[in-house]
Amino acid sequence: RQIVCVSTGGKLLRVKLSNEFSKGPVNI
């Protein structure tokens, strides 16, 4: 569980995940 604080608000959002620097796949 990770906590972040956004700046602006909205009613529709999307979240970005990154596995760009890892050497193998990650299963979520």
mmCIF file of all heavy atoms, coordinates in Angstrom:
data_MODEL
# 
_entry.id   MODEL 
# 
loop_
_atom_site.group_PDB 
_atom_site.id 
_atom_site.type_symbol 
_atom_site.label_atom_id 
_atom_site.label_alt_id 
_atom_site.label_comp_id 
_atom_site.label_asym_id 
_atom_site.label_entity_id 
_atom_site.label_seq_id 
_atom_site.pdbx_PDB_ins_code 
_atom_site.Cartn_x 
_atom_site.Cartn_y 
_atom_site.Cartn_z 
_atom_site.occupancy 
_atom_site.B_iso_or_equiv 
_atom_site.pdbx_formal_charge 
_atom_site.auth_seq_id 
_atom_site.auth_comp_id 
_atom_site.auth_asym_id 
_atom_site.auth_atom_id 
_atom_site.pdbx_PDB_model_num 
ATOM 1   N N   . ARG A 1 1  ? 0.856   -1.187  0.000   1.00 0.00 ? 1  ARG A N   1 
ATOM 2   C CA  . ARG A 1 1  ? 0.000   0.000   0.000   1.00 0.00 ? 1  ARG A CA  1 
ATOM 3   C C   . ARG A 1 1  ? 0.897   1.243   0.000   1.00 0.00 ? 1  ARG A C   1 
ATOM 4   O O   . ARG A 1 1  ? 1.731   1.408   0.886   1.00 0.00 ? 1  ARG A O   1 
ATOM 5   C CB  . ARG A 1 1  ? -0.925  0.006   1.210   1.00 0.00 ? 1  ARG A CB  1 
ATOM 6   C CG  . ARG A 1 1  ? -1.801  1.263   1.320   1.00 0.00 ? 1  ARG A CG  1 
ATOM 7   C CD  . ARG A 1 1  ? -2.897  1.076   2.371   1.00 0.00 ? 1  ARG A CD  1 
ATOM 8   N NE  . ARG A 1 1  ? -3.877  0.091   1.909   1.00 0.00 ? 1  ARG A NE  1 
ATOM 9   C CZ  . ARG A 1 1  ? -4.797  -0.460  2.698   1.00 0.00 ? 1  ARG A CZ  1 
ATOM 10  N NH1 . ARG A 1 1  ? -4.839  -0.148  3.981   1.00 0.00 ? 1  ARG A NH1 1 
ATOM 11  N NH2 . ARG A 1 1  ? -5.662  -1.334  2.197   1.00 0.00 ? 1  ARG A NH2 1 
ATOM 12  N N   . GLN A 1 2  ? 0.680   2.123   -0.996  1.00 0.00 ? 2  GLN A N   1 
ATOM 13  C CA  . GLN A 1 2  ? 1.494   3.319   -1.149  1.00 0.00 ? 2  GLN A CA  1 
ATOM 14  C C   . GLN A 1 2  ? 0.606   4.556   -1.130  1.00 0.00 ? 2  GLN A C   1 
ATOM 15  O O   . GLN A 1 2  ? -0.474  4.556   -1.725  1.00 0.00 ? 2  GLN A O   1 
ATOM 16  C CB  . GLN A 1 2  ? 2.289   3.246   -2.456  1.00 0.00 ? 2  GLN A CB  1 
ATOM 17  C CG  . GLN A 1 2  ? 3.168   1.994   -2.521  1.00 0.00 ? 2  GLN A CG  1 
ATOM 18  C CD  . GLN A 1 2  ? 3.916   1.871   -3.836  1.00 0.00 ? 2  GLN A CD  1 
ATOM 19  O OE1 . GLN A 1 2  ? 5.043   2.315   -3.973  1.00 0.00 ? 2  GLN A OE1 1 
ATOM 20  N NE2 . GLN A 1 2  ? 3.283   1.253   -4.818  1.00 0.00 ? 2  GLN A NE2 1 
ATOM 21  N N   . ILE A 1 3  ? 1.084   5.597   -0.484  1.00 0.00 ? 3  ILE A N   1 
ATOM 22  C CA  . ILE A 1 3  ? 0.309   6.825   -0.311  1.00 0.00 ? 3  ILE A CA  1 
ATOM 23  C C   . ILE A 1 3  ? 0.919   7.929   -1.168  1.00 0.00 ? 3  ILE A C   1 
ATOM 24  O O   . ILE A 1 3  ? 2.136   8.133   -1.155  1.00 0.00 ? 3  ILE A O   1 
ATOM 25  C CB  . ILE A 1 3  ? 0.296   7.276   1.167   1.00 0.00 ? 3  ILE A CB  1 
ATOM 26  C CG1 . ILE A 1 3  ? -0.041  6.092   2.100   1.00 0.00 ? 3  ILE A CG1 1 
ATOM 27  C CG2 . ILE A 1 3  ? -0.672  8.435   1.360   1.00 0.00 ? 3  ILE A CG2 1 
ATOM 28  C CD1 . ILE A 1 3  ? -1.374  5.453   1.857   1.00 0.00 ? 3  ILE A CD1 1 
ATOM 29  N N   . VAL A 1 4  ? 0.072   8.638   -1.896  1.00 0.00 ? 4  VAL A N   1 
ATOM 30  C CA  . VAL A 1 4  ? 0.519   9.790   -2.677  1.00 0.00 ? 4  VAL A CA  1 
ATOM 31  C C   . VAL A 1 4  ? -0.453  10.946  -2.454  1.00 0.00 ? 4  VAL A C   1 
ATOM 32  O O   . VAL A 1 4  ? -1.622  10.728  -2.125  1.00 0.00 ? 4  VAL A O   1 
ATOM 33  C CB  . VAL A 1 4  ? 0.626   9.471   -4.190  1.00 0.00 ? 4  VAL A CB  1 
ATOM 34  C CG1 . VAL A 1 4  ? 1.554   8.294   -4.431  1.00 0.00 ? 4  VAL A CG1 1 
ATOM 35  C CG2 . VAL A 1 4  ? -0.746  9.200   -4.799  1.00 0.00 ? 4  VAL A CG2 1 
ATOM 36  N N   . CYS A 1 5  ? 0.031   12.152  -2.650  1.00 0.00 ? 5  CYS A N   1 
ATOM 37  C CA  . CYS A 1 5  ? -0.807  13.348  -2.511  1.00 0.00 ? 5  CYS A CA  1 
ATOM 38  C C   . CYS A 1 5  ? -0.899  14.043  -3.863  1.00 0.00 ? 5  CYS A C   1 
ATOM 39  O O   . CYS A 1 5  ? 0.119   14.493  -4.404  1.00 0.00 ? 5  CYS A O   1 
ATOM 40  C CB  . CYS A 1 5  ? -0.206  14.303  -1.470  1.00 0.00 ? 5  CYS A CB  1 
ATOM 41  S SG  . CYS A 1 5  ? -1.206  15.785  -1.177  1.00 0.00 ? 5  CYS A SG  1 
ATOM 42  N N   . VAL A 1 6  ? -2.098  14.113  -4.426  1.00 0.00 ? 6  VAL A N   1 
ATOM 43  C CA  . VAL A 1 6  ? -2.286  14.732  -5.740  1.00 0.00 ? 6  VAL A CA  1 
ATOM 44  C C   . VAL A 1 6  ? -2.274  16.253  -5.610  1.00 0.00 ? 6  VAL A C   1 
ATOM 45  O O   . VAL A 1 6  ? -2.347  16.795  -4.506  1.00 0.00 ? 6  VAL A O   1 
ATOM 46  C CB  . VAL A 1 6  ? -3.594  14.257  -6.390  1.00 0.00 ? 6  VAL A CB  1 
ATOM 47  C CG1 . VAL A 1 6  ? -3.595  12.744  -6.537  1.00 0.00 ? 6  VAL A CG1 1 
ATOM 48  C CG2 . VAL A 1 6  ? -4.816  14.733  -5.601  1.00 0.00 ? 6  VAL A CG2 1 
ATOM 49  N N   . SER A 1 7  ? -2.190  16.929  -6.736  1.00 0.00 ? 7  SER A N   1 
ATOM 50  C CA  . SER A 1 7  ? -2.254  18.396  -6.733  1.00 0.00 ? 7  SER A CA  1 
ATOM 51  C C   . SER A 1 7  ? -3.673  18.854  -7.069  1.00 0.00 ? 7  SER A C   1 
ATOM 52  O O   . SER A 1 7  ? -4.391  19.333  -6.205  1.00 0.00 ? 7  SER A O   1 
ATOM 53  C CB  . SER A 1 7  ? -1.224  18.978  -7.707  1.00 0.00 ? 7  SER A CB  1 
ATOM 54  O OG  . SER A 1 7  ? -1.319  18.391  -8.994  1.00 0.00 ? 7  SER A OG  1 
ATOM 55  N N   . THR A 1 8  ? -4.125  18.661  -8.290  1.00 0.00 ? 8  THR A N   1 
ATOM 56  C CA  . THR A 1 8  ? -5.486  19.044  -8.675  1.00 0.00 ? 8  THR A CA  1 
ATOM 57  C C   . THR A 1 8  ? -6.435  17.850  -8.567  1.00 0.00 ? 8  THR A C   1 
ATOM 58  O O   . THR A 1 8  ? -6.003  16.705  -8.452  1.00 0.00 ? 8  THR A O   1 
ATOM 59  C CB  . THR A 1 8  ? -5.503  19.573  -10.118 1.00 0.00 ? 8  THR A CB  1 
ATOM 60  O OG1 . THR A 1 8  ? -4.882  18.601  -10.974 1.00 0.00 ? 8  THR A OG1 1 
ATOM 61  C CG2 . THR A 1 8  ? -4.759  20.885  -10.215 1.00 0.00 ? 8  THR A CG2 1 
ATOM 62  N N   . GLY A 1 9  ? -7.733  18.136  -8.626  1.00 0.00 ? 9  GLY A N   1 
ATOM 63  C CA  . GLY A 1 9  ? -8.737  17.092  -8.527  1.00 0.00 ? 9  GLY A CA  1 
ATOM 64  C C   . GLY A 1 9  ? -9.417  16.810  -9.852  1.00 0.00 ? 9  GLY A C   1 
ATOM 65  O O   . GLY A 1 9  ? -9.079  17.382  -10.887 1.00 0.00 ? 9  GLY A O   1 
ATOM 66  N N   . GLY A 1 10 ? -10.391 15.923  -9.809  1.00 0.00 ? 10 GLY A N   1 
ATOM 67  C CA  . GLY A 1 10 ? -11.139 15.569  -11.009 1.00 0.00 ? 10 GLY A CA  1 
ATOM 68  C C   . GLY A 1 10 ? -12.123 14.457  -10.706 1.00 0.00 ? 10 GLY A C   1 
ATOM 69  O O   . GLY A 1 10 ? -12.154 13.909  -9.604  1.00 0.00 ? 10 GLY A O   1 
ATOM 70  N N   . LYS A 1 11 ? -12.943 14.119  -11.687 1.00 0.00 ? 11 LYS A N   1 
ATOM 71  C CA  . LYS A 1 11 ? -13.949 13.073  -11.531 1.00 0.00 ? 11 LYS A CA  1 
ATOM 72  C C   . LYS A 1 11 ? -13.603 11.807  -12.299 1.00 0.00 ? 11 LYS A C   1 
ATOM 73  O O   . LYS A 1 11 ? -14.289 10.792  -12.160 1.00 0.00 ? 11 LYS A O   1 
ATOM 74  C CB  . LYS A 1 11 ? -15.314 13.597  -11.989 1.00 0.00 ? 11 LYS A CB  1 
ATOM 75  C CG  . LYS A 1 11 ? -15.832 14.756  -11.150 1.00 0.00 ? 11 LYS A CG  1 
ATOM 76  C CD  . LYS A 1 11 ? -17.182 15.238  -11.656 1.00 0.00 ? 11 LYS A CD  1 
ATOM 77  C CE  . LYS A 1 11 ? -17.695 16.398  -10.807 1.00 0.00 ? 11 LYS A CE  1 
ATOM 78  N NZ  . LYS A 1 11 ? -19.013 16.898  -11.295 1.00 0.00 ? 11 LYS A NZ  1 
ATOM 79  N N   . LEU A 1 12 ? -12.566 11.891  -13.122 1.00 0.00 ? 12 LEU A N   1 
ATOM 80  C CA  . LEU A 1 12 ? -12.127 10.732  -13.894 1.00 0.00 ? 12 LEU A CA  1 
ATOM 81  C C   . LEU A 1 12 ? -10.609 10.709  -13.843 1.00 0.00 ? 12 LEU A C   1 
ATOM 82  O O   . LEU A 1 12 ? -9.967  11.722  -14.095 1.00 0.00 ? 12 LEU A O   1 
ATOM 83  C CB  . LEU A 1 12 ? -12.618 10.835  -15.342 1.00 0.00 ? 12 LEU A CB  1 
ATOM 84  C CG  . LEU A 1 12 ? -12.546 9.577   -16.203 1.00 0.00 ? 12 LEU A CG  1 
ATOM 85  C CD1 . LEU A 1 12 ? -13.559 8.539   -15.720 1.00 0.00 ? 12 LEU A CD1 1 
ATOM 86  C CD2 . LEU A 1 12 ? -12.811 9.904   -17.675 1.00 0.00 ? 12 LEU A CD2 1 
ATOM 87  N N   . LEU A 1 13 ? -10.032 9.555   -13.505 1.00 0.00 ? 13 LEU A N   1 
ATOM 88  C CA  . LEU A 1 13 ? -8.585  9.483   -13.377 1.00 0.00 ? 13 LEU A CA  1 
ATOM 89  C C   . LEU A 1 13 ? -8.053  8.218   -14.019 1.00 0.00 ? 13 LEU A C   1 
ATOM 90  O O   . LEU A 1 13 ? -8.795  7.286   -14.340 1.00 0.00 ? 13 LEU A O   1 
ATOM 91  C CB  . LEU A 1 13 ? -8.162  9.559   -11.896 1.00 0.00 ? 13 LEU A CB  1 
ATOM 92  C CG  . LEU A 1 13 ? -8.636  8.498   -10.915 1.00 0.00 ? 13 LEU A CG  1 
ATOM 93  C CD1 . LEU A 1 13 ? -7.867  7.172   -11.047 1.00 0.00 ? 13 LEU A CD1 1 
ATOM 94  C CD2 . LEU A 1 13 ? -8.494  8.997   -9.481  1.00 0.00 ? 13 LEU A CD2 1 
ATOM 95  N N   . ARG A 1 14 ? -6.747  8.207   -14.187 1.00 0.00 ? 14 ARG A N   1 
ATOM 96  C CA  . ARG A 1 14 ? -6.046  6.998   -14.607 1.00 0.00 ? 14 ARG A CA  1 
ATOM 97  C C   . ARG A 1 14 ? -4.685  6.982   -13.901 1.00 0.00 ? 14 ARG A C   1 
ATOM 98  O O   . ARG A 1 14 ? -4.126  8.031   -13.587 1.00 0.00 ? 14 ARG A O   1 
ATOM 99  C CB  . ARG A 1 14 ? -5.876  6.938   -16.128 1.00 0.00 ? 14 ARG A CB  1 
ATOM 100 C CG  . ARG A 1 14 ? -5.055  8.084   -16.723 1.00 0.00 ? 14 ARG A CG  1 
ATOM 101 C CD  . ARG A 1 14 ? -4.972  7.978   -18.227 1.00 0.00 ? 14 ARG A CD  1 
ATOM 102 N NE  . ARG A 1 14 ? -4.085  9.001   -18.789 1.00 0.00 ? 14 ARG A NE  1 
ATOM 103 C CZ  . ARG A 1 14 ? -3.790  9.116   -20.084 1.00 0.00 ? 14 ARG A CZ  1 
ATOM 104 N NH1 . ARG A 1 14 ? -4.335  8.273   -20.950 1.00 0.00 ? 14 ARG A NH1 1 
ATOM 105 N NH2 . ARG A 1 14 ? -2.969  10.056  -20.509 1.00 0.00 ? 14 ARG A NH2 1 
ATOM 106 N N   . VAL A 1 15 ? -4.182  5.786   -13.630 1.00 0.00 ? 15 VAL A N   1 
ATOM 107 C CA  . VAL A 1 15 ? -2.932  5.612   -12.892 1.00 0.00 ? 15 VAL A CA  1 
ATOM 108 C C   . VAL A 1 15 ? -1.902  4.969   -13.813 1.00 0.00 ? 15 VAL A C   1 
ATOM 109 O O   . VAL A 1 15 ? -2.226  4.056   -14.587 1.00 0.00 ? 15 VAL A O   1 
ATOM 110 C CB  . VAL A 1 15 ? -3.161  4.742   -11.642 1.00 0.00 ? 15 VAL A CB  1 
ATOM 111 C CG1 . VAL A 1 15 ? -1.847  4.464   -10.916 1.00 0.00 ? 15 VAL A CG1 1 
ATOM 112 C CG2 . VAL A 1 15 ? -4.156  5.424   -10.698 1.00 0.00 ? 15 VAL A CG2 1 
ATOM 113 N N   . LYS A 1 16 ? -0.671  5.440   -13.716 1.00 0.00 ? 16 LYS A N   1 
ATOM 114 C CA  . LYS A 1 16 ? 0.410   4.927   -14.553 1.00 0.00 ? 16 LYS A CA  1 
ATOM 115 C C   . LYS A 1 16 ? 1.338   4.052   -13.716 1.00 0.00 ? 16 LYS A C   1 
ATOM 116 O O   . LYS A 1 16 ? 1.772   4.450   -12.635 1.00 0.00 ? 16 LYS A O   1 
ATOM 117 C CB  . LYS A 1 16 ? 1.177   6.093   -15.177 1.00 0.00 ? 16 LYS A CB  1 
ATOM 118 C CG  . LYS A 1 16 ? 2.269   5.702   -16.138 1.00 0.00 ? 16 LYS A CG  1 
ATOM 119 C CD  . LYS A 1 16 ? 2.751   6.882   -16.989 1.00 0.00 ? 16 LYS A CD  1 
ATOM 120 C CE  . LYS A 1 16 ? 3.191   8.065   -16.171 1.00 0.00 ? 16 LYS A CE  1 
ATOM 121 N NZ  . LYS A 1 16 ? 3.756   9.138   -17.017 1.00 0.00 ? 16 LYS A NZ  1 
ATOM 122 N N   . LEU A 1 17 ? 1.627   2.857   -14.214 1.00 0.00 ? 17 LEU A N   1 
ATOM 123 C CA  . LEU A 1 17 ? 2.558   1.938   -13.589 1.00 0.00 ? 17 LEU A CA  1 
ATOM 124 C C   . LEU A 1 17 ? 3.763   1.739   -14.499 1.00 0.00 ? 17 LEU A C   1 
ATOM 125 O O   . LEU A 1 17 ? 3.630   1.780   -15.727 1.00 0.00 ? 17 LEU A O   1 
ATOM 126 C CB  . LEU A 1 17 ? 1.899   0.581   -13.328 1.00 0.00 ? 17 LEU A CB  1 
ATOM 127 C CG  . LEU A 1 17 ? 0.608   0.574   -12.504 1.00 0.00 ? 17 LEU A CG  1 
ATOM 128 C CD1 . LEU A 1 17 ? 0.127   -0.861  -12.324 1.00 0.00 ? 17 LEU A CD1 1 
ATOM 129 C CD2 . LEU A 1 17 ? 0.798   1.250   -11.157 1.00 0.00 ? 17 LEU A CD2 1 
ATOM 130 N N   . SER A 1 18 ? 4.932   1.528   -13.897 1.00 0.00 ? 18 SER A N   1 
ATOM 131 C CA  . SER A 1 18 ? 6.140   1.399   -14.704 1.00 0.00 ? 18 SER A CA  1 
ATOM 132 C C   . SER A 1 18 ? 6.976   0.203   -14.280 1.00 0.00 ? 18 SER A C   1 
ATOM 133 O O   . SER A 1 18 ? 7.264   0.010   -13.096 1.00 0.00 ? 18 SER A O   1 
ATOM 134 C CB  . SER A 1 18 ? 6.993   2.674   -14.593 1.00 0.00 ? 18 SER A CB  1 
ATOM 135 O OG  . SER A 1 18 ? 8.188   2.526   -15.342 1.00 0.00 ? 18 SER A OG  1 
ATOM 136 N N   . ASN A 1 19 ? 7.355   -0.583  -15.280 1.00 0.00 ? 19 ASN A N   1 
ATOM 137 C CA  . ASN A 1 19 ? 8.309   -1.681  -15.094 1.00 0.00 ? 19 ASN A CA  1 
ATOM 138 C C   . ASN A 1 19 ? 9.491   -1.485  -16.039 1.00 0.00 ? 19 ASN A C   1 
ATOM 139 O O   . ASN A 1 19 ? 10.134  -2.439  -16.471 1.00 0.00 ? 19 ASN A O   1 
ATOM 140 C CB  . ASN A 1 19 ? 7.628   -3.031  -15.370 1.00 0.00 ? 19 ASN A CB  1 
ATOM 141 C CG  . ASN A 1 19 ? 8.423   -4.211  -14.859 1.00 0.00 ? 19 ASN A CG  1 
ATOM 142 O OD1 . ASN A 1 19 ? 9.060   -4.154  -13.807 1.00 0.00 ? 19 ASN A OD1 1 
ATOM 143 N ND2 . ASN A 1 19 ? 8.405   -5.308  -15.615 1.00 0.00 ? 19 ASN A ND2 1 
ATOM 144 N N   . GLU A 1 20 ? 9.769   -0.208  -16.329 1.00 0.00 ? 20 GLU A N   1 
ATOM 145 C CA  . GLU A 1 20 ? 10.728  0.115   -17.386 1.00 0.00 ? 20 GLU A CA  1 
ATOM 146 C C   . GLU A 1 20 ? 12.166  -0.286  -17.086 1.00 0.00 ? 20 GLU A C   1 
ATOM 147 O O   . GLU A 1 20 ? 12.925  -0.626  -17.988 1.00 0.00 ? 20 GLU A O   1 
ATOM 148 C CB  . GLU A 1 20 ? 10.675  1.615   -17.676 1.00 0.00 ? 20 GLU A CB  1 
ATOM 149 C CG  . GLU A 1 20 ? 9.403   2.050   -18.358 1.00 0.00 ? 20 GLU A CG  1 
ATOM 150 C CD  . GLU A 1 20 ? 9.345   3.545   -18.547 1.00 0.00 ? 20 GLU A CD  1 
ATOM 151 O OE1 . GLU A 1 20 ? 8.935   4.239   -17.608 1.00 0.00 ? 20 GLU A OE1 1 
ATOM 152 O OE2 . GLU A 1 20 ? 9.734   4.023   -19.623 1.00 0.00 ? 20 GLU A OE2 1 
ATOM 153 N N   . PHE A 1 21 ? 12.582  -0.218  -15.828 1.00 0.00 ? 21 PHE A N   1 
ATOM 154 C CA  . PHE A 1 21 ? 13.985  -0.463  -15.514 1.00 0.00 ? 21 PHE A CA  1 
ATOM 155 C C   . PHE A 1 21 ? 14.226  -1.850  -14.924 1.00 0.00 ? 21 PHE A C   1 
ATOM 156 O O   . PHE A 1 21 ? 15.356  -2.195  -14.601 1.00 0.00 ? 21 PHE A O   1 
ATOM 157 C CB  . PHE A 1 21 ? 14.498  0.613   -14.557 1.00 0.00 ? 21 PHE A CB  1 
ATOM 158 C CG  . PHE A 1 21 ? 14.575  1.975   -15.199 1.00 0.00 ? 21 PHE A CG  1 
ATOM 159 C CD1 . PHE A 1 21 ? 13.510  2.860   -15.102 1.00 0.00 ? 21 PHE A CD1 1 
ATOM 160 C CD2 . PHE A 1 21 ? 15.687  2.361   -15.918 1.00 0.00 ? 21 PHE A CD2 1 
ATOM 161 C CE1 . PHE A 1 21 ? 13.567  4.104   -15.704 1.00 0.00 ? 21 PHE A CE1 1 
ATOM 162 C CE2 . PHE A 1 21 ? 15.751  3.600   -16.525 1.00 0.00 ? 21 PHE A CE2 1 
ATOM 163 C CZ  . PHE A 1 21 ? 14.697  4.480   -16.419 1.00 0.00 ? 21 PHE A CZ  1 
ATOM 164 N N   . SER A 1 22 ? 13.184  -2.626  -14.785 1.00 0.00 ? 22 SER A N   1 
ATOM 165 C CA  . SER A 1 22 ? 13.335  -3.977  -14.249 1.00 0.00 ? 22 SER A CA  1 
ATOM 166 C C   . SER A 1 22 ? 13.829  -4.916  -15.351 1.00 0.00 ? 22 SER A C   1 
ATOM 167 O O   . SER A 1 22 ? 13.673  -4.644  -16.540 1.00 0.00 ? 22 SER A O   1 
ATOM 168 C CB  . SER A 1 22 ? 11.995  -4.468  -13.696 1.00 0.00 ? 22 SER A CB  1 
ATOM 169 O OG  . SER A 1 22 ? 11.482  -3.527  -12.769 1.00 0.00 ? 22 SER A OG  1 
ATOM 170 N N   . LYS A 1 23 ? 14.394  -6.031  -14.928 1.00 0.00 ? 23 LYS A N   1 
ATOM 171 C CA  . LYS A 1 23 ? 14.955  -6.975  -15.894 1.00 0.00 ? 23 LYS A CA  1 
ATOM 172 C C   . LYS A 1 23 ? 14.023  -8.149  -16.175 1.00 0.00 ? 23 LYS A C   1 
ATOM 173 O O   . LYS A 1 23 ? 14.366  -9.045  -16.957 1.00 0.00 ? 23 LYS A O   1 
ATOM 174 C CB  . LYS A 1 23 ? 16.308  -7.478  -15.397 1.00 0.00 ? 23 LYS A CB  1 
ATOM 175 C CG  . LYS A 1 23 ? 17.363  -6.382  -15.320 1.00 0.00 ? 23 LYS A CG  1 
ATOM 176 C CD  . LYS A 1 23 ? 18.705  -6.911  -14.863 1.00 0.00 ? 23 LYS A CD  1 
ATOM 177 C CE  . LYS A 1 23 ? 19.738  -5.780  -14.811 1.00 0.00 ? 23 LYS A CE  1 
ATOM 178 N NZ  . LYS A 1 23 ? 21.065  -6.257  -14.333 1.00 0.00 ? 23 LYS A NZ  1 
ATOM 179 N N   . GLY A 1 24 ? 12.877  -8.155  -15.518 1.00 0.00 ? 24 GLY A N   1 
ATOM 180 C CA  . GLY A 1 24 ? 11.928  -9.230  -15.738 1.00 0.00 ? 24 GLY A CA  1 
ATOM 181 C C   . GLY A 1 24 ? 10.507  -8.732  -15.620 1.00 0.00 ? 24 GLY A C   1 
ATOM 182 O O   . GLY A 1 24 ? 10.258  -7.606  -15.164 1.00 0.00 ? 24 GLY A O   1 
ATOM 183 N N   . PRO A 1 25 ? 9.522   -9.533  -16.012 1.00 0.00 ? 25 PRO A N   1 
ATOM 184 C CA  . PRO A 1 25 ? 8.112   -9.133  -15.915 1.00 0.00 ? 25 PRO A CA  1 
ATOM 185 C C   . PRO A 1 25 ? 7.646   -9.091  -14.469 1.00 0.00 ? 25 PRO A C   1 
ATOM 186 O O   . PRO A 1 25 ? 8.198   -9.763  -13.592 1.00 0.00 ? 25 PRO A O   1 
ATOM 187 C CB  . PRO A 1 25 ? 7.385   -10.224 -16.699 1.00 0.00 ? 25 PRO A CB  1 
ATOM 188 C CG  . PRO A 1 25 ? 8.268   -11.426 -16.576 1.00 0.00 ? 25 PRO A CG  1 
ATOM 189 C CD  . PRO A 1 25 ? 9.678   -10.904 -16.557 1.00 0.00 ? 25 PRO A CD  1 
ATOM 190 N N   . VAL A 1 26 ? 6.617   -8.299  -14.218 1.00 0.00 ? 26 VAL A N   1 
ATOM 191 C CA  . VAL A 1 26 ? 5.998   -8.259  -12.897 1.00 0.00 ? 26 VAL A CA  1 
ATOM 192 C C   . VAL A 1 26 ? 4.520   -8.618  -13.051 1.00 0.00 ? 26 VAL A C   1 
ATOM 193 O O   . VAL A 1 26 ? 3.817   -8.063  -13.892 1.00 0.00 ? 26 VAL A O   1 
ATOM 194 C CB  . VAL A 1 26 ? 6.167   -6.880  -12.213 1.00 0.00 ? 26 VAL A CB  1 
ATOM 195 C CG1 . VAL A 1 26 ? 5.599   -5.748  -13.068 1.00 0.00 ? 26 VAL A CG1 1 
ATOM 196 C CG2 . VAL A 1 26 ? 5.520   -6.869  -10.840 1.00 0.00 ? 26 VAL A CG2 1 
ATOM 197 N N   . ASN A 1 27 ? 4.068   -9.569  -12.254 1.00 0.00 ? 27 ASN A N   1 
ATOM 198 C CA  . ASN A 1 27 ? 2.659   -9.954  -12.271 1.00 0.00 ? 27 ASN A CA  1 
ATOM 199 C C   . ASN A 1 27 ? 1.926   -9.207  -11.164 1.00 0.00 ? 27 ASN A C   1 
ATOM 200 O O   . ASN A 1 27 ? 2.351   -9.203  -10.006 1.00 0.00 ? 27 ASN A O   1 
ATOM 201 C CB  . ASN A 1 27 ? 2.496   -11.463 -12.061 1.00 0.00 ? 27 ASN A CB  1 
ATOM 202 C CG  . ASN A 1 27 ? 1.042   -11.876 -11.927 1.00 0.00 ? 27 ASN A CG  1 
ATOM 203 O OD1 . ASN A 1 27 ? 0.648   -12.463 -10.937 1.00 0.00 ? 27 ASN A OD1 1 
ATOM 204 N ND2 . ASN A 1 27 ? 0.211   -11.537 -12.905 1.00 0.00 ? 27 ASN A ND2 1 
ATOM 205 N N   . ILE A 1 28 ? 0.856   -8.540  -11.554 1.00 0.00 ? 28 ILE A N   1 
ATOM 206 C CA  . ILE A 1 28 ? 0.030   -7.791  -10.611 1.00 0.00 ? 28 ILE A CA  1 
ATOM 207 C C   . ILE A 1 28 ? -1.364  -8.395  -10.631 1.00 0.00 ? 28 ILE A C   1 
ATOM 208 O O   . ILE A 1 28 ? -2.045  -8.400  -11.659 1.00 0.00 ? 28 ILE A O   1 
ATOM 209 C CB  . ILE A 1 28 ? -0.002  -6.300  -10.976 1.00 0.00 ? 28 ILE A CB  1 
ATOM 210 C CG1 . ILE A 1 28 ? 1.402   -5.699  -10.805 1.00 0.00 ? 28 ILE A CG1 1 
ATOM 211 C CG2 . ILE A 1 28 ? -1.014  -5.546  -10.120 1.00 0.00 ? 28 ILE A CG2 1 
ATOM 212 C CD1 . ILE A 1 28 ? 1.507   -4.256  -11.227 1.00 0.00 ? 28 ILE A CD1 1 
# 
